Amino acid sequence: MSGVKSYKELLIWRKGIRIVVLVYKLTRDFPKEEIYALTSQLKRASVSIPSNIA
């Protein structure tokens, strides 16, 4: 990891952020009755990826 000054420079962290953006876009069109079940779980799971790397 020579030369890396921030976790934001890590390729894996940036890919994790792309997953978050994709999940948020995909779940935007989910049925409203899923907002507190599947949608919420998918969003929390996707956000945990880059959060655990940082």
N, C-alpha and C. Protein backbone atom coordinates (compact mmCIF):
# COMPACT_ATOMS: atom_id res chain seq x y z
N MET A 1 0.82 -1.19 0.00
CA MET A 1 0.00 0.00 0.00
C MET A 1 0.87 1.25 0.00
N SER A 2 1.97 1.19 -0.65
CA SER A 2 2.84 2.37 -0.68
C SER A 2 2.18 3.50 -1.45
N GLY A 3 2.27 4.68 -0.90
CA GLY A 3 1.74 5.85 -1.57
C GLY A 3 0.27 6.13 -1.31
N VAL A 4 -0.44 5.24 -0.65
CA VAL A 4 -1.85 5.47 -0.36
C VAL A 4 -1.95 6.33 0.89
N LYS A 5 -2.56 7.49 0.73
CA LYS A 5 -2.67 8.42 1.85
C LYS A 5 -4.06 8.40 2.49
N SER A 6 -5.03 7.88 1.75
CA SER A 6 -6.41 7.87 2.24
C SER A 6 -7.13 6.63 1.72
N TYR A 7 -8.07 6.15 2.49
CA TYR A 7 -8.87 5.00 2.04
C TYR A 7 -9.63 5.32 0.76
N LYS A 8 -9.89 6.60 0.51
CA LYS A 8 -10.62 7.01 -0.69
C LYS A 8 -9.82 6.77 -1.96
N GLU A 9 -8.54 6.55 -1.81
CA GLU A 9 -7.68 6.24 -2.96
C GLU A 9 -7.71 4.75 -3.31
N LEU A 10 -8.24 3.93 -2.43
CA LEU A 10 -8.26 2.48 -2.66
C LEU A 10 -9.32 2.12 -3.70
N LEU A 11 -8.91 1.31 -4.67
CA LEU A 11 -9.82 0.87 -5.73
C LEU A 11 -11.02 0.13 -5.14
N ILE A 12 -10.79 -0.71 -4.17
CA ILE A 12 -11.88 -1.49 -3.58
C ILE A 12 -12.90 -0.60 -2.88
N TRP A 13 -12.45 0.48 -2.26
CA TRP A 13 -13.38 1.42 -1.61
C TRP A 13 -14.22 2.12 -2.67
N ARG A 14 -13.59 2.55 -3.76
CA ARG A 14 -14.33 3.23 -4.84
C ARG A 14 -15.35 2.30 -5.48
N LYS A 15 -15.01 1.03 -5.62
CA LYS A 15 -15.97 0.06 -6.16
C LYS A 15 -17.13 -0.13 -5.18
N GLY A 16 -16.84 -0.12 -3.90
CA GLY A 16 -17.90 -0.20 -2.90
C GLY A 16 -18.87 0.96 -3.00
N ILE A 17 -18.34 2.15 -3.23
CA ILE A 17 -19.19 3.33 -3.40
C ILE A 17 -20.05 3.19 -4.65
N ARG A 18 -19.50 2.62 -5.70
CA ARG A 18 -20.30 2.41 -6.92
C ARG A 18 -21.44 1.44 -6.66
N ILE A 19 -21.21 0.44 -5.82
CA ILE A 19 -22.27 -0.49 -5.45
C ILE A 19 -23.38 0.25 -4.71
N VAL A 20 -23.00 1.13 -3.79
CA VAL A 20 -23.99 1.91 -3.04
C VAL A 20 -24.86 2.72 -4.00
N VAL A 21 -24.23 3.42 -4.92
CA VAL A 21 -24.97 4.24 -5.88
C VAL A 21 -25.91 3.38 -6.70
N LEU A 22 -25.43 2.24 -7.16
CA LEU A 22 -26.25 1.33 -7.96
C LEU A 22 -27.45 0.81 -7.17
N VAL A 23 -27.23 0.40 -5.93
CA VAL A 23 -28.32 -0.11 -5.09
C VAL A 23 -29.37 0.97 -4.86
N TYR A 24 -28.93 2.19 -4.57
CA TYR A 24 -29.89 3.29 -4.36
C TYR A 24 -30.70 3.56 -5.62
N LYS A 25 -30.07 3.49 -6.79
CA LYS A 25 -30.79 3.69 -8.05
C LYS A 25 -31.79 2.57 -8.29
N LEU A 26 -31.37 1.34 -8.05
CA LEU A 26 -32.25 0.19 -8.29
C LEU A 26 -33.44 0.16 -7.33
N THR A 27 -33.20 0.49 -6.08
CA THR A 27 -34.28 0.40 -5.09
C THR A 27 -35.25 1.57 -5.17
N ARG A 28 -34.89 2.60 -5.90
CA ARG A 28 -35.79 3.76 -6.06
C ARG A 28 -37.12 3.34 -6.70
N ASP A 29 -37.06 2.32 -7.55
CA ASP A 29 -38.26 1.87 -8.26
C ASP A 29 -38.96 0.69 -7.58
N PHE A 30 -38.49 0.28 -6.43
CA PHE A 30 -39.15 -0.81 -5.70
C PHE A 30 -40.52 -0.35 -5.21
N PRO A 31 -41.43 -1.30 -5.02
CA PRO A 31 -42.76 -0.93 -4.49
C PRO A 31 -42.64 -0.28 -3.12
N LYS A 32 -43.54 0.65 -2.85
CA LYS A 32 -43.50 1.40 -1.58
C LYS A 32 -43.64 0.48 -0.37
N GLU A 33 -44.37 -0.62 -0.51
CA GLU A 33 -44.54 -1.52 0.63
C GLU A 33 -43.24 -2.22 1.01
N GLU A 34 -42.24 -2.16 0.15
CA GLU A 34 -40.94 -2.78 0.44
C GLU A 34 -39.96 -1.80 1.08
N ILE A 35 -40.35 -0.55 1.25
CA ILE A 35 -39.41 0.48 1.68
C ILE A 35 -38.79 0.19 3.06
N TYR A 36 -39.54 -0.44 3.95
CA TYR A 36 -39.00 -0.71 5.29
C TYR A 36 -38.51 -2.14 5.45
N ALA A 37 -38.57 -2.91 4.40
CA ALA A 37 -38.12 -4.29 4.49
C ALA A 37 -36.91 -4.50 3.57
N LEU A 38 -37.16 -4.95 2.38
CA LEU A 38 -36.09 -5.28 1.44
C LEU A 38 -35.25 -4.06 1.06
N THR A 39 -35.90 -2.96 0.76
CA THR A 39 -35.17 -1.75 0.35
C THR A 39 -34.22 -1.29 1.44
N SER A 40 -34.70 -1.22 2.64
CA SER A 40 -33.88 -0.78 3.76
C SER A 40 -32.69 -1.70 3.98
N GLN A 41 -32.92 -3.00 3.92
CA GLN A 41 -31.84 -3.96 4.14
C GLN A 41 -30.79 -3.86 3.04
N LEU A 42 -31.21 -3.74 1.79
CA LEU A 42 -30.26 -3.62 0.69
C LEU A 42 -29.40 -2.35 0.83
N LYS A 43 -30.04 -1.25 1.19
CA LYS A 43 -29.30 0.00 1.35
C LYS A 43 -28.29 -0.10 2.49
N ARG A 44 -28.71 -0.64 3.62
CA ARG A 44 -27.80 -0.76 4.77
C ARG A 44 -26.63 -1.69 4.45
N ALA A 45 -26.92 -2.79 3.76
CA ALA A 45 -25.87 -3.74 3.42
C ALA A 45 -24.86 -3.12 2.45
N SER A 46 -25.37 -2.37 1.48
CA SER A 46 -24.45 -1.77 0.50
C SER A 46 -23.58 -0.70 1.15
N VAL A 47 -24.14 0.10 2.03
CA VAL A 47 -23.38 1.15 2.71
C VAL A 47 -22.31 0.54 3.61
N SER A 48 -22.56 -0.64 4.14
CA SER A 48 -21.59 -1.25 5.05
C SER A 48 -20.31 -1.67 4.33
N ILE A 49 -20.37 -1.89 3.03
CA ILE A 49 -19.18 -2.33 2.29
C ILE A 49 -18.07 -1.28 2.37
N PRO A 50 -18.29 -0.06 1.84
CA PRO A 50 -17.20 0.92 1.95
C PRO A 50 -16.95 1.39 3.38
N SER A 51 -17.98 1.34 4.21
CA SER A 51 -17.80 1.75 5.61
C SER A 51 -16.82 0.83 6.33
N ASN A 52 -16.90 -0.45 6.07
CA ASN A 52 -16.00 -1.40 6.72
C ASN A 52 -14.58 -1.32 6.18
N ILE A 53 -14.43 -0.84 4.97
CA ILE A 53 -13.09 -0.66 4.40
C ILE A 53 -12.43 0.57 5.00
N ALA A 54 -13.24 1.62 5.17
CA ALA A 54 -12.70 2.87 5.73
C ALA A 54 -12.45 2.66 7.19
